[in-house]
Amino acid sequence: MPYKAAFLTYRSYQYDSGADVNNLHQTDDDAAAVALRRKGFEVTTLPWGEPVCAYEGFDLLVFRSTWDYLEQAERFHDWLGQMDALPALFESPISLIRWNLDKAYLLDLAASGAAVIPVMIVKANETSDLPDYFRNHGALVIKPAIACGGKGAYRILSLEEAEKLQAAFSSIRGNEDYIIQPYMEDIKRTGEWELIFIDGRYTHAVLKKPPAAEDGWKVQEAGGSIDQAEPPLPVLDAARNAFSKIVMACNMSGIGKIDAAYVPLYARIDLIGGLVSEIELFEPSLYFSKCPANQAAELFAAAALERVAAYQGKR
């Protein structure tokens, strides 16, 4: 009897295999689904947020495009708590996903010894002084602690900009925590490296650059570039070191306890100027199409099969 796998999405997500070759996230799913089917899996998609019984009978649940959790983070957290008791294998432990949801994880990662872009957390109930931060640290970036795709991010390049944003910051942030980081000029000069690890092994990388326009600084913006490339050795070493610290950093947070020997099935380590900007553990683009001969997708499927078989053997 074949194993059953489900890619978790959101309710209005429209998956149409091969419909848009420019949709890199869907291309990832296509490649992963094909590779899993070669290993004997049945593969389907399911939205998150359904009653737990909707996911019973699956052997593997893979978080892929659960993006609308941003608008309903509390409900997503509650649903994760319900799913934690489900007798199915998640590609990442629920506690690891909870940890990775909030960019405060960067503090844990830095404390564990990873080279991370400095970060300060501004809680929703705390006051902030952006002009003072600018005077002390120079150009900066602020963004929601729970966000993706550059949403809600602001860049401040002058004291005048800091004062202007300060006046509106309370209404902008609403009830959300924010993070403040120094603006990295390297994003314009050399771009952002995104390195993909499958089953603990570095497989491939892409180099993202923002639009060439003077005010372009987000690599997610239209007009930017995404190219397969091999990172310089210092970037690769920094990414490998950060990957090795993931479980330790998560356990330091107190969110949950993960076996120290656990290795994430997949991870993406993003770096600017040799420092980690983010670690993506549950719904990133993995750029399988940028990996020669789809080797990363095949490794993903082989590792998934091994893990499911081992998990089923313990039950």
C-alpha atoms as a PDB file:
ATOM      1  CA  MET A   1       0.000   0.000   0.000  1.00  0.00           C
ATOM      2  CA  PRO A   2       1.569   3.349  -1.032  1.00  0.00           C
ATOM      3  CA  TYR A   3       2.344   6.065   1.450  1.00  0.00           C
ATOM      4  CA  LYS A   4       0.115   9.145   1.268  1.00  0.00           C
ATOM      5  CA  ALA A   5       1.572  12.665   1.329  1.00  0.00           C
ATOM      6  CA  ALA A   6      -0.211  16.030   1.414  1.00  0.00           C
ATOM      7  CA  PHE A   7       1.232  19.456   0.646  1.00  0.00           C
ATOM      8  CA  LEU A   8      -0.435  21.927   3.015  1.00  0.00           C
ATOM      9  CA  THR A   9      -1.659  25.133   1.355  1.00  0.00           C
ATOM     10  CA  TYR A  10      -4.368  27.697   2.052  1.00  0.00           C
ATOM     11  CA  ARG A  11      -8.038  27.381   1.197  1.00  0.00           C
ATOM     12  CA  SER A  12      -8.117  29.642  -1.878  1.00  0.00           C
ATOM     13  CA  TYR A  13      -4.808  28.352  -3.256  1.00  0.00           C
ATOM     14  CA  GLN A  14      -5.230  27.146  -6.822  1.00  0.00           C
ATOM     15  CA  TYR A  15      -2.734  24.444  -7.688  1.00  0.00           C
ATOM     16  CA  ASP A  16      -2.555  23.587 -11.370  1.00  0.00           C
ATOM     17  CA  SER A  17       0.428  21.449 -12.283  1.00  0.00           C
ATOM     18  CA  GLY A  18       2.411  23.047 -15.057  1.00  0.00           C
ATOM     19  CA  ALA A  19       0.082  26.043 -15.369  1.00  0.00           C
ATOM     20  CA  ASP A  20       2.713  28.722 -14.801  1.00  0.00           C
ATOM     21  CA  VAL A  21       6.361  27.877 -15.293  1.00  0.00           C
ATOM     22  CA  ASN A  22       7.283  31.279 -13.827  1.00  0.00           C
ATOM     23  CA  ASN A  23       5.688  30.399 -10.497  1.00  0.00           C
ATOM     24  CA  LEU A  24       8.794  29.032  -8.809  1.00  0.00           C
ATOM     25  CA  HIS A  25       6.920  27.866  -5.720  1.00  0.00           C
ATOM     26  CA  GLN A  26       4.557  25.779  -7.847  1.00  0.00           C
ATOM     27  CA  THR A  27       7.510  24.512  -9.879  1.00  0.00           C
ATOM     28  CA  ASP A  28       9.009  23.319  -6.584  1.00  0.00           C
ATOM     29  CA  ASP A  29       5.790  21.473  -5.758  1.00  0.00           C
ATOM     30  CA  ASP A  30       5.652  19.887  -9.214  1.00  0.00           C
ATOM     31  CA  ALA A  31       9.231  18.623  -8.927  1.00  0.00           C
ATOM     32  CA  ALA A  32       8.743  17.359  -5.366  1.00  0.00           C
ATOM     33  CA  ALA A  33       5.449  15.629  -6.227  1.00  0.00           C
ATOM     34  CA  VAL A  34       6.958  13.884  -9.254  1.00  0.00           C
ATOM     35  CA  ALA A  35       9.939  12.709  -7.194  1.00  0.00           C
ATOM     36  CA  LEU A  36       7.699  11.477  -4.370  1.00  0.00           C
ATOM     37  CA  ARG A  37       5.490   9.579  -6.809  1.00  0.00           C
ATOM     38  CA  ARG A  38       8.562   7.855  -8.204  1.00  0.00           C
ATOM     39  CA  LYS A  39       9.165   6.637  -4.659  1.00  0.00           C
ATOM     40  CA  GLY A  40       5.638   5.241  -4.509  1.00  0.00           C
ATOM     41  CA  PHE A  41       3.833   8.083  -2.729  1.00  0.00           C
ATOM     42  CA  GLU A  42       0.350   9.302  -3.498  1.00  0.00           C
ATOM     43  CA  VAL A  43       0.508  13.120  -3.396  1.00  0.00           C
ATOM     44  CA  THR A  44      -2.276  15.666  -2.995  1.00  0.00           C
ATOM     45  CA  THR A  45      -2.821  19.180  -1.623  1.00  0.00           C
ATOM     46  CA  LEU A  46      -4.901  20.179   1.410  1.00  0.00           C
ATOM     47  CA  PRO A  47      -5.579  23.578   2.963  1.00  0.00           C
ATOM     48  CA  TRP A  48      -4.483  24.215   6.536  1.00  0.00           C
ATOM     49  CA  GLY A  49      -7.109  25.064   9.132  1.00  0.00           C
ATOM     50  CA  GLU A  50      -9.412  22.108   8.546  1.00  0.00           C
ATOM     51  CA  PRO A  51     -10.558  19.850  11.399  1.00  0.00           C
ATOM     52  CA  VAL A  52      -7.878  17.375  12.420  1.00  0.00           C
ATOM     53  CA  CYS A  53      -9.880  14.483  10.962  1.00  0.00           C
ATOM     54  CA  ALA A  54      -9.274  15.890   7.451  1.00  0.00           C
ATOM     55  CA  TYR A  55      -5.585  14.982   7.756  1.00  0.00           C
ATOM     56  CA  GLU A  56      -5.997  11.521   9.206  1.00  0.00           C
ATOM     57  CA  GLY A  57      -4.814   8.742   6.943  1.00  0.00           C
ATOM     58  CA  PHE A  58      -1.822  10.681   5.625  1.00  0.00           C
ATOM     59  CA  ASP A  59       1.681   9.453   6.294  1.00  0.00           C
ATOM     60  CA  LEU A  60       3.505  12.700   5.488  1.00  0.00           C
ATOM     61  CA  LEU A  61       2.359  16.323   5.807  1.00  0.00           C
ATOM     62  CA  VAL A  62       4.515  18.983   4.148  1.00  0.00           C
ATOM     63  CA  PHE A  63       3.993  22.690   4.797  1.00  0.00           C
ATOM     64  CA  ARG A  64       4.269  24.432   1.432  1.00  0.00           C
ATOM     65  CA  SER A  65       2.018  27.466   0.844  1.00  0.00           C
ATOM     66  CA  THR A  66       0.156  28.243   4.055  1.00  0.00           C
ATOM     67  CA  TRP A  67       0.680  31.950   3.383  1.00  0.00           C
ATOM     68  CA  ASP A  68      -2.586  33.361   4.674  1.00  0.00           C
ATOM     69  CA  TYR A  69      -1.524  32.504   8.233  1.00  0.00           C
ATOM     70  CA  LEU A  70      -0.151  36.065   8.277  1.00  0.00           C
ATOM     71  CA  GLU A  71      -3.671  37.450   8.507  1.00  0.00           C
ATOM     72  CA  GLN A  72      -4.740  34.950  11.184  1.00  0.00           C
ATOM     73  CA  ALA A  73      -1.624  34.094  13.158  1.00  0.00           C
ATOM     74  CA  GLU A  74      -3.475  33.280  16.390  1.00  0.00           C
ATOM     75  CA  ARG A  75      -5.768  30.821  14.600  1.00  0.00           C
ATOM     76  CA  PHE A  76      -2.745  29.268  12.887  1.00  0.00           C
ATOM     77  CA  HIS A  77      -1.024  28.772  16.249  1.00  0.00           C
ATOM     78  CA  ASP A  78      -4.163  27.165  17.680  1.00  0.00           C
ATOM     79  CA  TRP A  79      -4.452  24.852  14.673  1.00  0.00           C
ATOM     80  CA  LEU A  80      -0.795  23.829  15.002  1.00  0.00           C
ATOM     81  CA  GLY A  81      -1.518  22.849  18.602  1.00  0.00           C
ATOM     82  CA  GLN A  82      -4.349  20.604  17.457  1.00  0.00           C
ATOM     83  CA  MET A  83      -2.200  19.049  14.731  1.00  0.00           C
ATOM     84  CA  ASP A  84       0.643  18.255  17.111  1.00  0.00           C
ATOM     85  CA  ALA A  85      -1.229  15.190  18.365  1.00  0.00           C
ATOM     86  CA  LEU A  86      -1.925  13.822  14.888  1.00  0.00           C
ATOM     87  CA  PRO A  87      -0.348  10.404  14.176  1.00  0.00           C
ATOM     88  CA  ALA A  88       1.351  11.541  10.978  1.00  0.00           C
ATOM     89  CA  LEU A  89       4.868  12.672  10.181  1.00  0.00           C
ATOM     90  CA  PHE A  90       5.342  16.390   9.606  1.00  0.00           C
ATOM     91  CA  GLU A  91       8.397  17.329   7.592  1.00  0.00           C
ATOM     92  CA  SER A  92       9.310  19.589  10.533  1.00  0.00           C
ATOM     93  CA  PRO A  93       8.314  19.224  14.192  1.00  0.00           C
ATOM     94  CA  ILE A  94       5.446  21.561  15.118  1.00  0.00           C
ATOM     95  CA  SER A  95       7.587  23.285  17.750  1.00  0.00           C
ATOM     96  CA  LEU A  96      10.188  24.087  15.082  1.00  0.00           C
ATOM     97  CA  ILE A  97       7.512  25.664  12.898  1.00  0.00           C
ATOM     98  CA  ARG A  98       6.196  27.705  15.826  1.00  0.00           C
ATOM     99  CA  TRP A  99       9.730  28.939  16.485  1.00  0.00           C
ATOM    100  CA  ASN A 100      10.358  29.835  12.839  1.00  0.00           C
ATOM    101  CA  LEU A 101       7.091  31.779  12.522  1.00  0.00           C
ATOM    102  CA  ASP A 102       8.355  34.764  14.507  1.00  0.00           C
ATOM    103  CA  LYS A 103      11.564  36.517  13.478  1.00  0.00           C
ATOM    104  CA  ALA A 104      12.532  36.715  17.136  1.00  0.00           C
ATOM    105  CA  TYR A 105      14.128  33.341  16.341  1.00  0.00           C
ATOM    106  CA  LEU A 106      17.061  35.376  14.971  1.00  0.00           C
ATOM    107  CA  LEU A 107      17.991  36.284  18.557  1.00  0.00           C
ATOM    108  CA  ASP A 108      18.150  32.590  19.497  1.00  0.00           C
ATOM    109  CA  LEU A 109      20.156  31.838  16.383  1.00  0.00           C
ATOM    110  CA  ALA A 110      22.668  34.573  17.182  1.00  0.00           C
ATOM    111  CA  ALA A 111      22.937  33.376  20.794  1.00  0.00           C
ATOM    112  CA  SER A 112      23.702  29.870  19.540  1.00  0.00           C
ATOM    113  CA  GLY A 113      26.728  31.136  17.617  1.00  0.00           C
ATOM    114  CA  ALA A 114      25.408  31.788  14.108  1.00  0.00           C
ATOM    115  CA  ALA A 115      26.510  34.935  12.252  1.00  0.00           C
ATOM    116  CA  VAL A 116      23.257  36.919  12.063  1.00  0.00           C
ATOM    117  CA  ILE A 117      22.424  40.467  11.007  1.00  0.00           C
ATOM    118  CA  PRO A 118      21.938  42.306  14.347  1.00  0.00           C
ATOM    119  CA  VAL A 119      18.283  42.486  15.365  1.00  0.00           C
ATOM    120  CA  MET A 120      16.244  44.297  17.981  1.00  0.00           C
ATOM    121  CA  ILE A 121      12.668  43.279  18.828  1.00  0.00           C
ATOM    122  CA  VAL A 122      10.075  45.977  19.496  1.00  0.00           C
ATOM    123  CA  LYS A 123       7.087  44.387  21.219  1.00  0.00           C
ATOM    124  CA  ALA A 124       3.596  45.609  20.385  1.00  0.00           C
ATOM    125  CA  ASN A 125       3.232  47.159  23.848  1.00  0.00           C
ATOM    126  CA  GLU A 126       6.656  48.854  23.790  1.00  0.00           C
ATOM    127  CA  THR A 127       7.565  52.335  22.608  1.00  0.00           C
ATOM    128  CA  SER A 128      10.253  52.837  19.998  1.00  0.00           C
ATOM    129  CA  ASP A 129      12.442  55.751  19.008  1.00  0.00           C
ATOM    130  CA  LEU A 130      13.387  55.344  15.362  1.00  0.00           C
ATOM    131  CA  PRO A 131      15.250  58.681  15.145  1.00  0.00           C
ATOM    132  CA  ASP A 132      17.376  57.717  18.151  1.00  0.00           C
ATOM    133  CA  TYR A 133      18.087  54.318  16.638  1.00  0.00           C
ATOM    134  CA  PHE A 134      19.102  56.012  13.372  1.00  0.00           C
ATOM    135  CA  ARG A 135      21.446  58.412  15.214  1.00  0.00           C
ATOM    136  CA  ASN A 136      23.148  55.482  16.950  1.00  0.00           C
ATOM    137  CA  HIS A 137      23.205  52.924  14.153  1.00  0.00           C
ATOM    138  CA  GLY A 138      22.656  54.640  10.817  1.00  0.00           C
ATOM    139  CA  ALA A 139      20.403  53.354   8.021  1.00  0.00           C
ATOM    140  CA  LEU A 140      17.915  50.739   9.161  1.00  0.00           C
ATOM    141  CA  VAL A 141      15.123  48.408   8.143  1.00  0.00           C
ATOM    142  CA  ILE A 142      11.981  47.727  10.156  1.00  0.00           C
ATOM    143  CA  LYS A 143       9.502  44.931   9.459  1.00  0.00           C
ATOM    144  CA  PRO A 144       6.839  42.869  11.212  1.00  0.00           C
ATOM    145  CA  ALA A 145       8.146  39.983  13.295  1.00  0.00           C
ATOM    146  CA  ILE A 146       5.597  37.719  11.601  1.00  0.00           C
ATOM    147  CA  ALA A 147       5.711  38.362   7.855  1.00  0.00           C
ATOM    148  CA  CYS A 148       7.018  37.048   4.569  1.00  0.00           C
ATOM    149  CA  GLY A 149       7.828  38.326   1.104  1.00  0.00           C
ATOM    150  CA  GLY A 150       9.009  41.722   2.331  1.00  0.00           C
ATOM    151  CA  LYS A 151       5.475  42.731   3.377  1.00  0.00           C
ATOM    152  CA  GLY A 152       5.304  45.635   5.797  1.00  0.00           C
ATOM    153  CA  ALA A 153       9.044  46.352   5.570  1.00  0.00           C
ATOM    154  CA  TYR A 154      10.401  49.909   5.559  1.00  0.00           C
ATOM    155  CA  ARG A 155      13.876  51.221   4.846  1.00  0.00           C
ATOM    156  CA  ILE A 156      15.109  54.387   6.575  1.00  0.00           C
ATOM    157  CA  LEU A 157      18.096  56.160   5.037  1.00  0.00           C
ATOM    158  CA  SER A 158      17.972  59.545   6.759  1.00  0.00           C
ATOM    159  CA  LEU A 159      17.060  61.155  10.058  1.00  0.00           C
ATOM    160  CA  GLU A 160      14.224  62.955   8.278  1.00  0.00           C
ATOM    161  CA  GLU A 161      12.784  59.604   7.108  1.00  0.00           C
ATOM    162  CA  ALA A 162      13.122  58.203  10.635  1.00  0.00           C
ATOM    163  CA  GLU A 163      11.233  61.167  12.115  1.00  0.00           C
ATOM    164  CA  LYS A 164       8.514  60.937   9.477  1.00  0.00           C
ATOM    165  CA  LEU A 165       7.989  57.203  10.006  1.00  0.00           C
ATOM    166  CA  GLN A 166       8.105  57.597  13.787  1.00  0.00           C
ATOM    167  CA  ALA A 167       5.062  59.839  13.615  1.00  0.00           C
ATOM    168  CA  ALA A 168       3.072  57.115  11.860  1.00  0.00           C
ATOM    169  CA  PHE A 169       4.700  54.051  13.401  1.00  0.00           C
ATOM    170  CA  SER A 170       2.087  53.428  16.092  1.00  0.00           C
ATOM    171  CA  SER A 171      -0.707  53.226  13.552  1.00  0.00           C
ATOM    172  CA  ILE A 172       1.415  51.257  11.058  1.00  0.00           C
ATOM    173  CA  ARG A 173       2.404  48.540  13.498  1.00  0.00           C
ATOM    174  CA  GLY A 174      -1.029  48.137  15.046  1.00  0.00           C
ATOM    175  CA  ASN A 175      -0.875  45.268  17.523  1.00  0.00           C
ATOM    176  CA  GLU A 176       2.187  43.603  16.006  1.00  0.00           C
ATOM    177  CA  ASP A 177       5.743  43.068  17.171  1.00  0.00           C
ATOM    178  CA  TYR A 178       8.372  44.544  14.850  1.00  0.00           C
ATOM    179  CA  ILE A 179      12.068  43.983  14.340  1.00  0.00           C
ATOM    180  CA  ILE A 180      14.693  46.625  13.660  1.00  0.00           C
ATOM    181  CA  GLN A 181      17.907  45.788  11.815  1.00  0.00           C
ATOM    182  CA  PRO A 182      20.695  47.774  10.197  1.00  0.00           C
ATOM    183  CA  TYR A 183      20.191  48.303   6.478  1.00  0.00           C
ATOM    184  CA  MET A 184      22.748  46.179   4.632  1.00  0.00           C
ATOM    185  CA  GLU A 185      24.184  48.042   1.645  1.00  0.00           C
ATOM    186  CA  ASP A 186      25.353  44.689   0.302  1.00  0.00           C
ATOM    187  CA  ILE A 187      21.781  43.994  -0.811  1.00  0.00           C
ATOM    188  CA  LYS A 188      22.340  46.527  -3.619  1.00  0.00           C
ATOM    189  CA  ARG A 189      25.980  45.645  -4.302  1.00  0.00           C
ATOM    190  CA  THR A 190      26.049  41.862  -4.162  1.00  0.00           C
ATOM    191  CA  GLY A 191      22.449  40.807  -3.514  1.00  0.00           C
ATOM    192  CA  GLU A 192      21.047  38.143  -1.199  1.00  0.00           C
ATOM    193  CA  TRP A 193      22.277  34.564  -1.258  1.00  0.00           C
ATOM    194  CA  GLU A 194      19.698  31.848  -0.610  1.00  0.00           C
ATOM    195  CA  LEU A 195      21.191  28.425   0.086  1.00  0.00           C
ATOM    196  CA  ILE A 196      19.057  25.282   0.120  1.00  0.00           C
ATOM    197  CA  PHE A 197      19.736  22.311   2.387  1.00  0.00           C
ATOM    198  CA  ILE A 198      17.967  18.989   1.897  1.00  0.00           C
ATOM    199  CA  ASP A 199      18.270  16.338   4.628  1.00  0.00           C
ATOM    200  CA  GLY A 200      21.254  18.202   6.064  1.00  0.00           C
ATOM    201  CA  ARG A 201      23.127  18.479   2.768  1.00  0.00           C
ATOM    202  CA  TYR A 202      23.765  21.723   0.901  1.00  0.00           C
ATOM    203  CA  THR A 203      22.396  21.141  -2.606  1.00  0.00           C
ATOM    204  CA  HIS A 204      22.228  24.444  -4.482  1.00  0.00           C
ATOM    205  CA  ALA A 205      21.869  28.212  -4.185  1.00  0.00           C
ATOM    206  CA  VAL A 206      20.387  31.202  -5.920  1.00  0.00           C
ATOM    207  CA  LEU A 207      21.529  34.804  -5.899  1.00  0.00           C
ATOM    208  CA  LYS A 208      18.727  37.364  -5.725  1.00  0.00           C
ATOM    209  CA  LYS A 209      19.195  41.012  -6.596  1.00  0.00           C
ATOM    210  CA  PRO A 210      16.692  43.851  -6.211  1.00  0.00           C
ATOM    211  CA  PRO A 211      15.584  46.008  -9.144  1.00  0.00           C
ATOM    212  CA  ALA A 212      18.331  48.218 -10.532  1.00  0.00           C
ATOM    213  CA  ALA A 213      16.250  51.350  -9.905  1.00  0.00           C
ATOM    214  CA  GLU A 214      17.744  53.685  -7.312  1.00  0.00           C
ATOM    215  CA  ASP A 215      14.930  53.076  -4.826  1.00  0.00           C
ATOM    216  CA  GLY A 216      14.878  49.294  -5.339  1.00  0.00           C
ATOM    217  CA  TRP A 217      16.060  47.347  -2.299  1.00  0.00           C
ATOM    218  CA  LYS A 218      13.686  44.388  -1.825  1.00  0.00           C
ATOM    219  CA  VAL A 219      14.693  41.217  -3.674  1.00  0.00           C
ATOM    220  CA  GLN A 220      10.996  40.268  -3.795  1.00  0.00           C
ATOM    221  CA  GLU A 221      10.148  43.283  -5.978  1.00  0.00           C
ATOM    222  CA  ALA A 222       9.240  42.957  -9.661  1.00  0.00           C
ATOM    223  CA  GLY A 223      12.238  43.685 -11.836  1.00  0.00           C
ATOM    224  CA  GLY A 224      14.700  41.913  -9.575  1.00  0.00           C
ATOM    225  CA  SER A 225      16.709  38.863 -10.631  1.00  0.00           C
ATOM    226  CA  ILE A 226      17.037  35.267  -9.448  1.00  0.00           C
ATOM    227  CA  ASP A 227      20.002  33.300 -10.781  1.00  0.00           C
ATOM    228  CA  GLN A 228      21.467  29.920  -9.954  1.00  0.00           C
ATOM    229  CA  ALA A 229      25.009  30.472  -8.710  1.00  0.00           C
ATOM    230  CA  GLU A 230      27.586  28.999  -6.389  1.00  0.00           C
ATOM    231  CA  PRO A 231      28.202  31.096  -3.277  1.00  0.00           C
ATOM    232  CA  PRO A 232      31.655  32.187  -2.128  1.00  0.00           C
ATOM    233  CA  LEU A 233      33.156  29.853   0.463  1.00  0.00           C
ATOM    234  CA  PRO A 234      32.671  32.294   3.391  1.00  0.00           C
ATOM    235  CA  VAL A 235      28.939  32.505   2.563  1.00  0.00           C
ATOM    236  CA  LEU A 236      28.653  28.719   2.325  1.00  0.00           C
ATOM    237  CA  ASP A 237      30.504  28.293   5.622  1.00  0.00           C
ATOM    238  CA  ALA A 238      28.240  30.831   7.354  1.00  0.00           C
ATOM    239  CA  ALA A 239      25.152  29.049   6.021  1.00  0.00           C
ATOM    240  CA  ARG A 240      26.406  25.638   7.103  1.00  0.00           C
ATOM    241  CA  ASN A 241      27.190  26.969  10.566  1.00  0.00           C
ATOM    242  CA  ALA A 242      23.704  28.512  10.858  1.00  0.00           C
ATOM    243  CA  PHE A 243      22.069  25.269   9.703  1.00  0.00           C
ATOM    244  CA  SER A 244      23.980  23.348  12.357  1.00  0.00           C
ATOM    245  CA  LYS A 245      22.611  25.685  15.057  1.00  0.00           C
ATOM    246  CA  ILE A 246      18.891  25.428  14.173  1.00  0.00           C
ATOM    247  CA  VAL A 247      17.876  22.746  16.666  1.00  0.00           C
ATOM    248  CA  MET A 248      20.010  24.189  19.452  1.00  0.00           C
ATOM    249  CA  ALA A 249      18.559  27.664  18.885  1.00  0.00           C
ATOM    250  CA  CYS A 250      14.992  26.360  18.845  1.00  0.00           C
ATOM    251  CA  ASN A 251      15.534  24.450  22.080  1.00  0.00           C
ATOM    252  CA  MET A 252      17.041  27.565  23.674  1.00  0.00           C
ATOM    253  CA  SER A 253      13.811  29.463  22.975  1.00  0.00           C
ATOM    254  CA  GLY A 254      11.733  27.279  25.290  1.00  0.00           C
ATOM    255  CA  ILE A 255       9.010  26.891  22.643  1.00  0.00           C
ATOM    256  CA  GLY A 256       9.498  23.149  22.532  1.00  0.00           C
ATOM    257  CA  LYS A 257      12.087  20.445  22.918  1.00  0.00           C
ATOM    258  CA  ILE A 258      13.446  18.810  19.783  1.00  0.00           C
ATOM    259  CA  ASP A 259      15.760  15.817  19.713  1.00  0.00           C
ATOM    260  CA  ALA A 260      19.271  17.220  19.350  1.00  0.00           C
ATOM    261  CA  ALA A 261      19.951  14.697  16.575  1.00  0.00           C
ATOM    262  CA  TYR A 262      17.038  15.944  14.444  1.00  0.00           C
ATOM    263  CA  VAL A 263      17.957  17.225  10.965  1.00  0.00           C
ATOM    264  CA  PRO A 264      15.387  19.357   9.082  1.00  0.00           C
ATOM    265  CA  LEU A 265      14.137  17.697   5.910  1.00  0.00           C
ATOM    266  CA  TYR A 266      14.626  20.997   4.139  1.00  0.00           C
ATOM    267  CA  ALA A 267      15.777  24.503   4.997  1.00  0.00           C
ATOM    268  CA  ARG A 268      16.693  27.675   3.192  1.00  0.00           C
ATOM    269  CA  ILE A 269      19.346  29.947   4.665  1.00  0.00           C
ATOM    270  CA  ASP A 270      19.274  33.544   3.390  1.00  0.00           C
ATOM    271  CA  LEU A 271      22.355  35.736   3.792  1.00  0.00           C
ATOM    272  CA  ILE A 272      23.345  39.313   3.004  1.00  0.00           C
ATOM    273  CA  GLY A 273      26.988  40.308   3.278  1.00  0.00           C
ATOM    274  CA  GLY A 274      27.845  36.933   4.784  1.00  0.00           C
ATOM    275  CA  LEU A 275      25.338  37.348   7.642  1.00  0.00           C
ATOM    276  CA  VAL A 276      22.095  35.420   8.034  1.00  0.00           C
ATOM    277  CA  SER A 277      19.029  37.522   7.257  1.00  0.00           C
ATOM    278  CA  GLU A 278      16.477  34.706   7.603  1.00  0.00           C
ATOM    279  CA  ILE A 279      16.087  30.950   7.922  1.00  0.00           C
ATOM    280  CA  GLU A 280      13.041  29.460   6.198  1.00  0.00           C
ATOM    281  CA  LEU A 281      11.873  26.105   7.551  1.00  0.00           C
ATOM    282  CA  PHE A 282       8.272  25.581   6.556  1.00  0.00           C
ATOM    283  CA  GLU A 283       7.030  27.367   3.425  1.00  0.00           C
ATOM    284  CA  PRO A 284       9.906  28.734   1.345  1.00  0.00           C
ATOM    285  CA  SER A 285      10.625  28.544  -2.339  1.00  0.00           C
ATOM    286  CA  LEU A 286      13.360  25.927  -2.703  1.00  0.00           C
ATOM    287  CA  TYR A 287      14.220  26.594  -6.363  1.00  0.00           C
ATOM    288  CA  PHE A 288      14.358  22.938  -7.318  1.00  0.00           C
ATOM    289  CA  SER A 289      14.359  23.987 -10.980  1.00  0.00           C
ATOM    290  CA  LYS A 290      17.651  25.800 -10.345  1.00  0.00           C
ATOM    291  CA  CYS A 291      19.338  22.603  -9.174  1.00  0.00           C
ATOM    292  CA  PRO A 292      21.037  20.543 -11.919  1.00  0.00           C
ATOM    293  CA  ALA A 293      19.041  17.459 -12.974  1.00  0.00           C
ATOM    294  CA  ASN A 294      16.493  18.067 -10.200  1.00  0.00           C
ATOM    295  CA  GLN A 295      18.904  16.411  -7.788  1.00  0.00           C
ATOM    296  CA  ALA A 296      17.524  18.321  -4.806  1.00  0.00           C
ATOM    297  CA  ALA A 297      13.955  17.166  -5.484  1.00  0.00           C
ATOM    298  CA  GLU A 298      15.120  13.564  -5.775  1.00  0.00           C
ATOM    299  CA  LEU A 299      17.072  13.847  -2.529  1.00  0.00           C
ATOM    300  CA  PHE A 300      13.990  15.384  -0.879  1.00  0.00           C
ATOM    301  CA  ALA A 301      11.843  12.417  -1.939  1.00  0.00           C
ATOM    302  CA  ALA A 302      14.415   9.820  -0.909  1.00  0.00           C
ATOM    303  CA  ALA A 303      14.838  11.425   2.522  1.00  0.00           C
ATOM    304  CA  ALA A 304      11.057  11.708   2.953  1.00  0.00           C
ATOM    305  CA  LEU A 305      10.613   8.020   2.153  1.00  0.00           C
ATOM    306  CA  GLU A 306      13.316   7.022   4.620  1.00  0.00           C
ATOM    307  CA  ARG A 307      11.796   9.152   7.373  1.00  0.00           C
ATOM    308  CA  VAL A 308       8.239   7.950   6.811  1.00  0.00           C
ATOM    309  CA  ALA A 309       9.362   4.315   6.788  1.00  0.00           C
ATOM    310  CA  ALA A 310      11.308   4.821  10.021  1.00  0.00           C
ATOM    311  CA  TYR A 311       8.374   6.652  11.633  1.00  0.00           C
ATOM    312  CA  GLN A 312       5.908   3.955  10.640  1.00  0.00           C
ATOM    313  CA  GLY A 313       8.278   1.321  11.947  1.00  0.00           C
ATOM    314  CA  LYS A 314       8.197   2.908  15.408  1.00  0.00           C
ATOM    315  CA  ARG A 315       4.407   3.000  15.637  1.00  0.00           C
END
